[in-house]
Amino acid sequence: MDSRVACLALLFAAACSSSDSVVSTGPRTASAIGSCLSFTPRTPISVPPNSGPWISLFTAKATNCGATSLWSVSASRSGSVTAITSIQNGTFSLGSNGTISTKVWFTAGAAGVGRVIAHAQVDGVPGDFVDTVIGNVTSSAAGIPFGVSGLSPSEFPANAIWTGGLRSIEPVNQILSELNIAQNHSPRIRMWFYFTGGDEQRFKDGTGAFNLQAWKDTLDYYATAAHTKPFNTDGSSQFAAQLQPYMQQGGALMGILLLDDIGNFTPAVSHAQIEGMAAQAKLRYPGITTAVRQRPSKLGTGTYSSLDAAWAQYEARTSQNDGHTAAQYRDDQIAKARALHLGLVLGINISNGGLQPAGDIPVDSLRSWGDSLLASGTSDYGCAFLMFDKTYGQLSDPAVTHVASLAQNHIASSCLFH
């Protein structure tokens, strides 16, 4: 059998988890993978019963394969996976050199074990199929990360309410050091990082427009440790393998935040530029989840492929909340995130939330907004709740603990489109 067939069959992998563990046998195939082909599967996601559609995404890549072939893929299911609803990029020509992302949507049924089974053909020649076990599909609330931006994992007290955070750090060695602390903290802290720093000014050209190449150059500078560590042959950073353990289901690395204050560029950063950043991040760090700190209602129309998640941070300014109450804002941003094929991080600007007097928002506003943004059922799409920022003067107030409890009892959700 053509080794390219076996490789593509390997690409289809979807896995679910309970709140405690991920159960997956991993892909199986009868043939070796061709040396010119590689794949990056999406990390597993938590899936409750009787829900969906959910998405399994992977990236197929050919490098000097020597031939252009027409690929055709299909998928079937068994057990607690009740349906395969659609496949994006089910037929494509990968070429002797090329990369493409393919998505499989599926639904989950009753709690238990199920399978997503992928089938592949190259130039009409059938390939073997490969299956991956979907284990312990459960609806038990596992919680979503809750925290504030700016705190280093070493600053989090043990056994605290904080389980998530955001940091702006460029050197990957330092990111790895913080991830090690976060991974071993009790409770585990799940972190987002700006790998290119949080100052958007460095990515503006002389007219105030976004300079994509400057952003890519900055990412690559740190991905090579100031040009001392050449890229791997597949274009990935030598740090990629070290980051992988933290990128697994429930690991300390939630993802990379590509750009802060994305609305501060004139003209607005385009869909193509956002996709360009996300694709570059995935090239250097295969499998990483990508996000921008911008609400979905400001991310245009169409759908995204390389960008995974948006950021909806509520505050009182109508220029920032689109004139909506917290409940209206939640519903609108979730709907728009789904329309764009994005996951969604929720949160509140607690240090400069647009109320008068300026500064920290009152704790009763924090409680009220939190109740709306994390309302059971209507907020289930949100995958994390992160607030700006650590300078808030009342982090020990019971209102903060109250909102933390809402996040802790929230159903687990993926930061990927589903």
Foldseek 3Di string as FASTA:
>chain_A
DPLCQQQVLQQDDEAADDLPDTDKPHKDFDDDHDPQKDKFWAFYAHAAAPDDQDKTKMKIWGAQQPFKWKKAKDKDKDDQFDDFDDKDCRIDTQTNGHMDMIMITTHGHHFAKMKIKMWMDINRHTGDIIIMIHHGRHFAANFFAEEFEDDQLVPDDAPDLGAEYEEEDAAVVVVLVSLVSQQPGHVRHAYEYANQGADQVQQADPVQAGNLVSLLVSNVCNLCVNVVRDADPQQARPCQVVCVVQSHVPRRYQAYAHYAPQVRGPPHQALVSQLSSLVSVCSHHPNGAYEYAAFLVPHDADAHDSHAAYEQAAADDCVRQVPDDLLVSLQVRVVSCLRRQHQYAYEYAQQARPDPPGGGDDLVVLLVSLCRCLPAPSNLRHAYYYYYHPPRPPCVDVSVVVSSVSRSRHHHHRRGGD
